[in-house]
Amino acid sequence: MPEQAHSVQEKAIRINLEARKYGVFAEIGAGQEVVRWFFHAGKASSTVAESISAYDMAISDGLYGHAAHYVSRERLNAMLDREFGQLQAGLAKTRRDGAALFVFADTVASHTSSRAQAGHGWLGVRFQDRPGAEPSDAIVHLEMLDTQTAGQQETVGLMGVNLLYGAFFFADDPNRLVSSLMDGLNRRRVEVDMIKLSGPAFAAVDNRLLSLQLVEQALTDAAMFRADGEVVQPSEVLEKQPVLIERGSFRPVTNVTFDMLDRARRQLAAGAASAAPEPVVLMEMTLNNLMAAAGIDDQDFLARVDILGALSQTVMISNYTRFDQVTSYLRHYTQERVAMVLGMPLLREIFDEKYYADLDGGILEGLGRLFKGPVKLFVHPTVDPETGQLLTADKVEVKRQLSHLYAYVFENGCVEPIREFDYRQLHVTPADVLRKIQQGEPGWQDLVPPQAAALIARKKLFGYK
């Protein structure tokens, strides 16, 4: 490997000087911004076999087949498939033995005055990590935040070179690959909300951990993956869909945790129109939920998401501390109804002014953002540990000066108590269950879903004895 490159220009020239790398650049939309770096750097003839831009939709369909969306993962994969197959079948025969082949592809829609949405794009590289090897893939999705088209085009070029360089030289260090994507860029210009690495070069990579890295390293505010571990770009899951979301640490998931979700889902369905679609269900963990004294433990994180996966749940990781930030995030993808499941302690925090000190409009601004569009909080009751009294959302205590504000939100149906629940397990908390698991106390299995109990025992999760 060459000496570490510090600029995108250096990365391009060092790839060009790698005589064993040879490939194709296929770019749709926003110009040919990635390959331009390699032409400008010099020595491109040793690296670039072909550069193609199928900008016209009819030409693009002729090459890659029809796609429902031209800026999509489907289109990107079709480009990688077609161009790598062509390269292997044709151009590889004209090169000397020992060349490792690659294809870089992107499909991008930049922001213009005629488009209300921000620019976004899919970028990917399919490459051989050694000559003749089975190929590996590295793909990312990015949201471009520059207000000018030229700035967005530059972002695509920089990100593309960074991705190609990272795939070539940081395949054995995926966390470094993630951080290197932002070389020459910052979060004011771009957000990377999905990354997926696959193939023999990334055999040891868990893409769920890479999703966590995107949030930890501040490349995005939130990332998500399905129950089977497949990472997804948020619009692939959320676009125009109703959402039901529960926030928590899930260490571990308890019967109460899951019962809250199920009861809220039933109440949501009962209050919806007969033809309303089922909501997308998300289990959200924040970085604060995951943080321990020594930082975030990857294995502890995987233990939690393995259990959620066994329960067929889609996981969202975020750096959001307030509920209104979650609403704003979801509204980027859907205007359908959003329901949030929470307990009484979190409800009190939502109506605590100190959490909105950084907003110019204070708690009024925060609640305005939280309840933008059709939003409902389903609140699970709890038992006061000192008095044994049942505490519910229709009897919550807030500061006197906020009582009228809470009454307004409650009376307008934005907050709804969960009406049916299992009183026998209201006293159960994840901390209590975790203690029982770690101390080997009998009976903890009855406090968590059967799938969770089986997985904890089999894999010895959370310090199980």
Protein backbone atom coordinates (compact mmCIF):
# COMPACT_ATOMS: atom_id res chain seq x y z
CA MET A 1 0.00 0.00 0.00
CA PRO A 2 1.32 3.48 -0.80
CA GLU A 3 1.97 6.08 1.85
CA GLN A 4 -1.29 7.45 3.22
CA ALA A 5 -2.85 10.12 0.99
CA HIS A 6 -4.00 13.30 2.71
CA SER A 7 -5.99 14.94 -0.09
CA VAL A 8 -8.38 13.73 -2.74
CA GLN A 9 -5.92 14.84 -5.41
CA GLU A 10 -3.24 12.64 -3.81
CA LYS A 11 -5.66 9.73 -3.63
CA ALA A 12 -6.47 9.99 -7.34
CA ILE A 13 -2.85 10.08 -8.45
CA ARG A 14 -1.87 7.19 -6.16
CA ILE A 15 -4.66 5.04 -7.56
CA ASN A 16 -3.51 5.98 -11.09
CA LEU A 17 0.03 4.94 -10.20
CA GLU A 18 -1.19 1.53 -9.02
CA ALA A 19 -0.57 -0.34 -12.25
CA ARG A 20 -2.49 -3.37 -10.99
CA LYS A 21 -5.81 -1.42 -10.73
CA TYR A 22 -7.82 -1.08 -13.92
CA GLY A 23 -11.47 -0.32 -14.41
CA VAL A 24 -14.54 1.54 -15.63
CA PHE A 25 -16.34 4.65 -14.40
CA ALA A 26 -20.08 4.84 -15.07
CA GLU A 27 -21.86 7.96 -13.81
CA ILE A 28 -25.45 9.13 -14.23
CA GLY A 29 -26.47 12.67 -13.27
CA ALA A 30 -24.44 15.58 -11.87
CA GLY A 31 -21.76 15.11 -14.56
CA GLN A 32 -18.75 12.81 -14.53
CA GLU A 33 -17.40 14.27 -11.33
CA VAL A 34 -15.50 11.23 -10.01
CA VAL A 35 -13.57 10.20 -13.10
CA ARG A 36 -12.65 13.86 -13.67
CA TRP A 37 -10.34 13.68 -10.65
CA PHE A 38 -8.40 10.82 -12.24
CA PHE A 39 -8.08 12.59 -15.57
CA HIS A 40 -6.87 15.77 -13.89
CA ALA A 41 -4.40 13.91 -11.67
CA GLY A 42 -2.53 12.47 -14.68
CA LYS A 43 -1.50 8.91 -15.58
CA ALA A 44 -5.20 8.02 -15.98
CA SER A 45 -4.48 5.78 -18.96
CA SER A 46 -3.03 3.19 -16.60
CA THR A 47 -6.25 3.10 -14.55
CA VAL A 48 -9.26 4.15 -16.64
CA ALA A 49 -10.42 1.61 -19.20
CA GLU A 50 -13.63 3.48 -20.01
CA SER A 51 -15.74 6.37 -18.80
CA ILE A 52 -19.47 6.37 -19.58
CA SER A 53 -22.37 8.67 -18.74
CA ALA A 54 -25.78 7.27 -19.71
CA TYR A 55 -27.55 10.54 -18.91
CA ASP A 56 -30.56 10.09 -21.18
CA MET A 57 -33.21 7.84 -19.56
CA ALA A 58 -33.79 5.85 -22.76
CA ILE A 59 -30.06 5.20 -23.14
CA SER A 60 -29.81 4.29 -19.47
CA ASP A 61 -32.71 1.84 -19.77
CA GLY A 62 -31.14 0.32 -22.86
CA LEU A 63 -27.91 -0.36 -20.99
CA TYR A 64 -29.17 -1.28 -17.54
CA GLY A 65 -32.85 -2.17 -17.91
CA HIS A 66 -35.86 -0.24 -16.66
CA ALA A 67 -35.90 0.92 -13.03
CA ALA A 68 -38.77 2.32 -10.99
CA HIS A 69 -36.40 5.04 -9.77
CA TYR A 70 -33.28 6.13 -11.63
CA VAL A 71 -31.55 7.27 -8.44
CA SER A 72 -31.86 4.05 -6.45
CA ARG A 73 -29.97 1.09 -5.13
CA GLU A 74 -31.64 -1.01 -7.85
CA ARG A 75 -30.17 1.18 -10.60
CA LEU A 76 -26.73 1.26 -8.97
CA ASN A 77 -26.59 -2.54 -8.71
CA ALA A 78 -27.66 -2.88 -12.35
CA MET A 79 -24.84 -0.54 -13.37
CA LEU A 80 -22.25 -2.48 -11.36
CA ASP A 81 -23.49 -5.81 -12.75
CA ARG A 82 -23.46 -4.73 -16.37
CA GLU A 83 -20.19 -2.81 -16.37
CA PHE A 84 -18.21 -5.40 -14.40
CA GLY A 85 -19.47 -8.18 -16.68
CA GLN A 86 -18.48 -6.17 -19.75
CA LEU A 87 -15.08 -5.42 -18.28
CA GLN A 88 -14.38 -9.06 -17.51
CA ALA A 89 -15.61 -10.27 -20.87
CA GLY A 90 -13.93 -7.69 -23.07
CA LEU A 91 -11.39 -5.24 -21.77
CA ALA A 92 -9.70 -7.65 -19.41
CA LYS A 93 -8.42 -9.58 -22.42
CA THR A 94 -6.53 -6.55 -23.67
CA ARG A 95 -4.62 -6.05 -20.42
CA ARG A 96 -1.62 -7.87 -19.12
CA ASP A 97 -2.18 -10.67 -16.66
CA GLY A 98 -2.22 -9.59 -13.06
CA ALA A 99 -4.59 -6.59 -13.25
CA ALA A 100 -7.21 -6.30 -10.51
CA LEU A 101 -10.42 -5.06 -12.11
CA PHE A 102 -12.94 -2.58 -10.73
CA VAL A 103 -16.04 -0.64 -11.67
CA PHE A 104 -17.04 2.61 -10.03
CA ALA A 105 -20.68 3.69 -10.56
CA ASP A 106 -22.93 6.43 -9.31
CA THR A 107 -26.47 7.61 -9.99
CA VAL A 108 -27.18 11.08 -8.64
CA ALA A 109 -29.91 13.71 -8.62
CA SER A 110 -28.63 17.14 -7.71
CA HIS A 111 -30.83 19.88 -6.29
CA THR A 112 -32.11 22.43 -8.79
CA SER A 113 -34.57 25.31 -8.58
CA SER A 114 -37.25 23.03 -10.06
CA ARG A 115 -36.80 20.28 -7.44
CA ALA A 116 -38.03 20.82 -3.89
CA GLN A 117 -35.94 17.95 -2.54
CA ALA A 118 -32.28 18.11 -1.66
CA GLY A 119 -29.82 16.31 -3.90
CA HIS A 120 -28.97 12.69 -3.16
CA GLY A 121 -27.17 9.82 -4.77
CA TRP A 122 -26.02 6.20 -4.69
CA LEU A 123 -22.30 5.50 -5.16
CA GLY A 124 -20.66 2.10 -5.40
CA VAL A 125 -17.50 0.25 -6.34
CA ARG A 126 -17.17 -3.40 -7.33
CA PHE A 127 -13.57 -4.52 -7.24
CA GLN A 128 -11.16 -7.41 -7.03
CA ASP A 129 -8.93 -7.10 -3.97
CA ARG A 130 -6.37 -9.16 -5.89
CA PRO A 131 -6.12 -10.18 -9.55
CA GLY A 132 -8.62 -12.86 -10.47
CA ALA A 133 -10.44 -12.76 -7.13
CA GLU A 134 -14.19 -12.83 -6.72
CA PRO A 135 -15.37 -9.21 -6.58
CA SER A 136 -16.42 -7.29 -3.49
CA ASP A 137 -18.80 -4.33 -3.24
CA ALA A 138 -18.79 -1.09 -1.27
CA ILE A 139 -21.88 1.10 -1.68
CA VAL A 140 -23.07 4.26 0.06
CA HIS A 141 -26.04 6.58 -0.09
CA LEU A 142 -25.52 10.28 0.46
CA GLU A 143 -27.71 13.33 0.99
CA MET A 144 -26.15 16.47 -0.49
CA LEU A 145 -26.71 19.58 1.60
CA ASP A 146 -25.08 22.26 -0.56
CA THR A 147 -27.62 24.75 -1.88
CA GLN A 148 -25.83 25.17 -5.22
CA THR A 149 -25.66 22.48 -7.90
CA ALA A 150 -21.93 23.08 -8.47
CA GLY A 151 -21.23 22.42 -4.80
CA GLN A 152 -23.21 19.19 -4.92
CA GLN A 153 -21.33 18.06 -8.00
CA GLU A 154 -18.04 18.69 -6.24
CA THR A 155 -19.29 16.67 -3.26
CA VAL A 156 -20.03 13.68 -5.51
CA GLY A 157 -16.54 13.86 -6.97
CA LEU A 158 -14.83 14.00 -3.58
CA MET A 159 -16.98 11.27 -2.07
CA GLY A 160 -16.47 9.00 -5.07
CA VAL A 161 -12.67 9.22 -4.90
CA ASN A 162 -12.78 8.67 -1.13
CA LEU A 163 -14.96 5.58 -1.52
CA LEU A 164 -12.76 4.07 -4.22
CA TYR A 165 -9.58 4.74 -2.24
CA GLY A 166 -11.13 3.33 0.92
CA ALA A 167 -12.22 0.16 -0.83
CA PHE A 168 -8.74 -0.37 -2.26
CA PHE A 169 -6.65 0.44 0.79
CA PHE A 170 -8.82 0.28 3.92
CA ALA A 171 -10.72 -2.96 3.33
CA ASP A 172 -9.09 -4.46 6.42
CA ASP A 173 -10.05 -1.45 8.57
CA PRO A 174 -13.73 -0.64 7.90
CA ASN A 175 -13.93 2.03 10.61
CA ARG A 176 -11.13 3.90 8.89
CA LEU A 177 -12.88 3.41 5.56
CA VAL A 178 -15.96 5.08 7.04
CA SER A 179 -14.06 8.05 8.47
CA SER A 180 -12.09 8.55 5.23
CA LEU A 181 -15.31 9.13 3.28
CA MET A 182 -15.44 12.66 4.67
CA ASP A 183 -11.89 13.65 3.63
CA GLY A 184 -12.20 17.12 2.12
CA LEU A 185 -15.87 17.31 3.17
CA ASN A 186 -17.97 18.11 6.25
CA ARG A 187 -21.52 17.63 7.54
CA ARG A 188 -22.59 21.04 6.30
CA ARG A 189 -22.15 19.67 2.79
CA VAL A 190 -23.08 16.00 2.91
CA GLU A 191 -24.61 13.24 5.00
CA VAL A 192 -23.88 9.54 4.50
CA ASP A 193 -26.88 7.65 5.84
CA MET A 194 -26.13 4.14 4.56
CA ILE A 195 -23.08 2.02 3.84
CA LYS A 196 -22.87 -1.63 2.89
CA LEU A 197 -19.70 -3.67 2.40
CA SER A 198 -19.93 -7.19 0.99
CA GLY A 199 -17.81 -9.86 -0.66
CA PRO A 200 -14.57 -11.65 0.22
CA ALA A 201 -12.61 -8.45 0.91
CA PHE A 202 -15.10 -7.66 3.69
CA ALA A 203 -15.79 -11.18 4.94
CA ALA A 204 -15.31 -10.15 8.59
CA VAL A 205 -17.45 -7.00 8.38
CA ASP A 206 -20.78 -6.69 10.20
CA ASN A 207 -22.71 -3.95 8.43
CA ARG A 208 -24.78 -3.28 11.55
CA LEU A 209 -21.59 -2.10 13.23
CA LEU A 210 -20.87 0.11 10.24
CA SER A 211 -24.32 1.66 10.66
CA LEU A 212 -23.36 2.41 14.25
CA GLN A 213 -20.10 3.91 13.03
CA LEU A 214 -21.92 6.27 10.68
CA VAL A 215 -23.75 7.74 13.68
CA GLU A 216 -20.79 7.58 16.08
CA GLN A 217 -18.50 9.33 13.61
CA ALA A 218 -21.23 11.91 12.86
CA LEU A 219 -21.56 11.10 9.15
CA THR A 220 -25.31 10.97 9.78
CA ASP A 221 -27.81 11.50 12.58
CA ALA A 222 -29.55 8.16 12.15
CA ALA A 223 -29.11 4.81 10.42
CA MET A 224 -31.21 1.66 10.27
CA PHE A 225 -31.26 -2.01 9.38
CA ARG A 226 -33.87 -4.74 9.15
CA ALA A 227 -34.34 -7.74 11.43
CA ASP A 228 -32.13 -9.89 9.16
CA GLY A 229 -29.29 -7.37 9.50
CA GLU A 230 -29.71 -5.92 6.00
CA VAL A 231 -28.79 -2.23 6.11
CA VAL A 232 -31.29 0.09 4.46
CA GLN A 233 -31.47 3.69 3.39
CA PRO A 234 -34.31 5.31 5.38
CA SER A 235 -36.49 6.14 2.36
CA GLU A 236 -36.45 2.44 1.37
CA VAL A 237 -38.36 1.74 4.61
CA LEU A 238 -40.18 4.95 5.47
CA GLU A 239 -41.25 6.64 2.24
CA LYS A 240 -44.94 7.59 2.50
CA GLN A 241 -45.50 5.04 5.28
CA PRO A 242 -47.10 5.42 8.73
CA VAL A 243 -44.60 4.78 11.52
CA LEU A 244 -44.77 3.31 15.02
CA ILE A 245 -41.57 3.84 16.99
CA GLU A 246 -40.39 2.83 20.45
CA ARG A 247 -37.24 4.28 21.98
CA GLY A 248 -35.21 2.43 24.59
CA SER A 249 -32.00 0.75 25.64
CA PHE A 250 -33.39 -2.77 25.10
CA ARG A 251 -30.84 -4.24 27.50
CA PRO A 252 -32.66 -6.55 27.38
CA VAL A 253 -36.09 -6.37 25.78
CA THR A 254 -38.64 -7.26 28.47
CA ASN A 255 -42.21 -8.47 28.21
CA VAL A 256 -43.30 -4.99 29.28
CA THR A 257 -41.25 -3.41 26.48
CA PHE A 258 -42.84 -5.62 23.88
CA ASP A 259 -46.31 -5.43 25.39
CA MET A 260 -46.17 -1.62 25.18
CA LEU A 261 -45.50 -1.88 21.46
CA ASP A 262 -48.24 -4.45 20.84
CA ARG A 263 -50.89 -2.53 22.82
CA ALA A 264 -50.03 0.72 21.05
CA ARG A 265 -50.25 -0.99 17.68
CA ARG A 266 -53.76 -2.24 18.50
CA GLN A 267 -54.95 1.17 19.66
CA LEU A 268 -53.45 2.80 16.59
CA ALA A 269 -55.26 0.33 14.32
CA ALA A 270 -58.55 0.84 16.18
CA GLY A 271 -58.39 4.59 15.60
CA ALA A 272 -57.32 4.42 11.94
CA ALA A 273 -59.41 4.19 8.81
CA SER A 274 -60.27 0.65 7.73
CA ALA A 275 -58.03 0.86 4.63
CA ALA A 276 -55.05 2.38 6.48
CA PRO A 277 -51.80 0.46 5.93
CA GLU A 278 -49.96 -1.21 8.78
CA PRO A 279 -47.28 1.09 10.21
CA VAL A 280 -43.58 0.51 9.83
CA VAL A 281 -42.32 -0.44 13.30
CA LEU A 282 -38.96 0.90 14.45
CA MET A 283 -37.04 0.14 17.64
CA GLU A 284 -34.74 3.09 18.23
CA MET A 285 -31.57 3.19 20.30
CA THR A 286 -29.69 6.43 20.80
CA LEU A 287 -25.96 6.77 21.37
CA ASN A 288 -26.84 7.73 24.95
CA ASN A 289 -28.71 4.42 25.32
CA LEU A 290 -25.58 2.59 24.19
CA MET A 291 -22.95 4.58 26.06
CA ALA A 292 -21.15 3.00 29.02
CA ALA A 293 -18.30 4.28 31.16
CA ALA A 294 -15.75 2.90 28.70
CA GLY A 295 -17.68 4.06 25.63
CA ILE A 296 -19.87 2.01 23.31
CA ASP A 297 -19.23 -1.74 23.46
CA ASP A 298 -19.72 -3.28 20.01
CA GLN A 299 -20.52 -6.73 21.39
CA ASP A 300 -23.08 -5.33 23.81
CA PHE A 301 -24.67 -3.45 20.91
CA LEU A 302 -24.80 -6.62 18.80
CA ALA A 303 -26.36 -8.53 21.70
CA ARG A 304 -29.23 -6.04 21.80
CA VAL A 305 -29.81 -6.00 18.05
CA ASP A 306 -29.53 -9.79 17.80
CA ILE A 307 -32.44 -10.05 20.23
CA LEU A 308 -34.44 -7.40 18.38
CA GLY A 309 -33.73 -9.28 15.16
CA ALA A 310 -34.98 -12.52 16.71
CA LEU A 311 -38.18 -10.59 17.48
CA SER A 312 -38.43 -9.50 13.81
CA GLN A 313 -37.83 -5.81 14.56
CA THR A 314 -36.24 -3.12 12.39
CA VAL A 315 -33.60 -1.18 14.33
CA MET A 316 -32.83 2.53 14.14
CA ILE A 317 -29.72 4.06 15.72
CA SER A 318 -29.63 7.81 16.28
CA ASN A 319 -27.93 10.63 18.13
CA TYR A 320 -31.28 12.29 18.93
CA THR A 321 -31.84 13.20 22.55
CA ARG A 322 -35.27 14.82 22.14
CA PHE A 323 -38.44 13.34 20.70
CA ASP A 324 -39.07 16.35 18.45
CA GLN A 325 -35.78 15.60 16.67
CA VAL A 326 -37.12 12.14 15.84
CA THR A 327 -40.33 13.60 14.42
CA SER A 328 -38.38 16.05 12.26
CA TYR A 329 -36.24 13.17 10.97
CA LEU A 330 -39.25 11.00 10.11
CA ARG A 331 -41.02 13.92 8.40
CA HIS A 332 -38.15 14.05 5.92
CA TYR A 333 -39.46 10.75 4.50
CA THR A 334 -43.18 10.55 5.28
CA GLN A 335 -46.13 12.80 5.99
CA GLU A 336 -48.26 9.90 7.21
CA ARG A 337 -49.20 9.40 10.85
CA VAL A 338 -46.42 8.85 13.38
CA ALA A 339 -46.99 7.13 16.72
CA MET A 340 -44.44 6.95 19.51
CA VAL A 341 -44.56 4.47 22.40
CA LEU A 342 -43.17 5.56 25.75
CA GLY A 343 -43.57 5.25 29.49
CA MET A 344 -44.53 7.83 32.08
CA PRO A 345 -40.94 8.87 32.97
CA LEU A 346 -40.24 9.86 29.34
CA LEU A 347 -43.55 11.71 29.12
CA ARG A 348 -42.50 13.86 32.07
CA GLU A 349 -39.20 14.61 30.34
CA ILE A 350 -41.02 15.73 27.18
CA PHE A 351 -42.82 18.35 29.28
CA ASP A 352 -39.69 19.51 31.12
CA GLU A 353 -38.50 22.90 29.89
CA LYS A 354 -34.82 22.22 30.55
CA TYR A 355 -34.60 19.90 27.55
CA TYR A 356 -35.46 22.75 25.17
CA ALA A 357 -33.01 25.35 26.46
CA ASP A 358 -31.12 25.37 23.14
CA LEU A 359 -34.23 26.29 21.12
CA ASP A 360 -35.10 29.95 20.62
CA GLY A 361 -38.76 29.16 21.20
CA GLY A 362 -38.10 26.88 24.16
CA ILE A 363 -40.63 24.19 24.95
CA LEU A 364 -43.25 25.75 22.65
CA GLU A 365 -40.95 25.37 19.66
CA GLY A 366 -39.99 21.86 20.69
CA LEU A 367 -43.58 20.68 21.09
CA GLY A 368 -44.53 22.37 17.82
CA ARG A 369 -41.90 20.29 16.07
CA LEU A 370 -42.84 17.14 17.95
CA PHE A 371 -46.51 17.29 17.01
CA LYS A 372 -46.03 18.48 13.43
CA GLY A 373 -48.46 16.54 11.27
CA PRO A 374 -50.49 13.62 12.65
CA VAL A 375 -48.43 12.57 15.69
CA LYS A 376 -49.62 10.65 18.72
CA LEU A 377 -47.82 9.58 21.90
CA PHE A 378 -49.04 6.28 23.34
CA VAL A 379 -48.11 6.31 27.02
CA HIS A 380 -47.79 3.13 29.07
CA PRO A 381 -48.69 3.40 32.76
CA THR A 382 -46.28 2.75 35.58
CA VAL A 383 -46.48 2.12 39.30
CA ASP A 384 -45.08 4.60 41.79
CA PRO A 385 -42.43 2.56 43.67
CA GLU A 386 -43.07 4.45 46.91
CA THR A 387 -46.87 4.59 47.03
CA GLY A 388 -47.84 1.72 44.74
CA GLN A 389 -50.19 4.12 42.95
CA LEU A 390 -50.90 3.55 39.26
CA LEU A 391 -49.64 6.52 37.22
CA THR A 392 -51.27 7.17 33.85
CA ALA A 393 -51.05 9.84 31.13
CA ASP A 394 -54.39 11.38 32.05
CA LYS A 395 -53.11 12.10 35.55
CA VAL A 396 -49.53 13.16 34.86
CA GLU A 397 -48.08 15.91 37.01
CA VAL A 398 -46.28 18.75 35.23
CA LYS A 399 -45.20 22.18 36.42
CA ARG A 400 -48.13 24.44 37.20
CA GLN A 401 -47.24 26.89 34.40
CA LEU A 402 -47.29 24.00 31.90
CA SER A 403 -50.53 22.40 33.04
CA HIS A 404 -52.67 24.25 30.47
CA LEU A 405 -50.21 23.35 27.71
CA TYR A 406 -50.35 19.67 28.66
CA ALA A 407 -54.16 19.80 28.89
CA TYR A 408 -54.32 21.27 25.37
CA VAL A 409 -52.11 18.51 23.94
CA PHE A 410 -53.99 15.78 25.81
CA GLU A 411 -57.48 17.00 24.97
CA ASN A 412 -56.56 17.23 21.28
CA GLY A 413 -55.60 13.56 21.23
CA CYS A 414 -51.86 14.03 20.79
CA VAL A 415 -51.24 12.04 23.98
CA GLU A 416 -53.21 8.85 24.60
CA PRO A 417 -52.90 6.44 27.54
CA ILE A 418 -52.36 2.79 26.70
CA ARG A 419 -55.62 1.44 28.09
CA GLU A 420 -54.95 -2.29 28.26
CA PHE A 421 -51.86 -3.64 30.00
CA ASP A 422 -50.57 -6.43 32.22
CA TYR A 423 -50.65 -5.02 35.74
CA ARG A 424 -48.60 -7.95 37.08
CA GLN A 425 -45.41 -6.89 35.29
CA LEU A 426 -45.64 -3.10 35.58
CA HIS A 427 -42.94 -3.20 38.25
CA VAL A 428 -40.45 -4.94 35.92
CA THR A 429 -37.59 -2.82 34.54
CA PRO A 430 -34.78 -3.77 32.16
CA ALA A 431 -32.27 -2.98 34.93
CA ASP A 432 -33.93 -5.51 37.26
CA VAL A 433 -33.98 -8.18 34.58
CA LEU A 434 -30.34 -7.50 33.67
CA ARG A 435 -29.33 -7.90 37.31
CA LYS A 436 -31.14 -11.23 37.54
CA ILE A 437 -29.46 -12.46 34.34
CA GLN A 438 -26.00 -11.50 35.55
CA GLN A 439 -26.50 -12.95 39.02
CA GLY A 440 -28.09 -16.15 37.78
CA GLU A 441 -31.35 -15.59 39.65
CA PRO A 442 -34.12 -17.99 38.60
CA GLY A 443 -37.25 -16.66 36.95
CA TRP A 444 -35.75 -14.00 34.69
CA GLN A 445 -36.79 -16.05 31.66
CA ASP A 446 -40.42 -15.31 32.51
CA LEU A 447 -39.80 -11.56 32.26
CA VAL A 448 -38.59 -11.48 28.63
CA PRO A 449 -40.04 -12.83 25.36
CA PRO A 450 -39.20 -16.53 24.79
CA GLN A 451 -37.04 -15.75 21.73
CA ALA A 452 -34.99 -13.33 23.83
CA ALA A 453 -34.58 -15.80 26.70
CA ALA A 454 -33.38 -18.53 24.36
CA LEU A 455 -30.85 -16.26 22.66
CA ILE A 456 -29.50 -14.86 25.94
CA ALA A 457 -28.94 -18.35 27.31
CA ARG A 458 -27.50 -19.82 24.12
CA LYS A 459 -25.06 -16.98 23.41
CA LYS A 460 -24.47 -16.06 27.06
CA LEU A 461 -25.38 -12.42 26.42
CA PHE A 462 -25.22 -9.54 28.93
CA GLY A 463 -22.95 -11.45 31.33
CA TYR A 464 -25.36 -14.37 31.60
CA LYS A 465 -24.64 -16.95 34.28
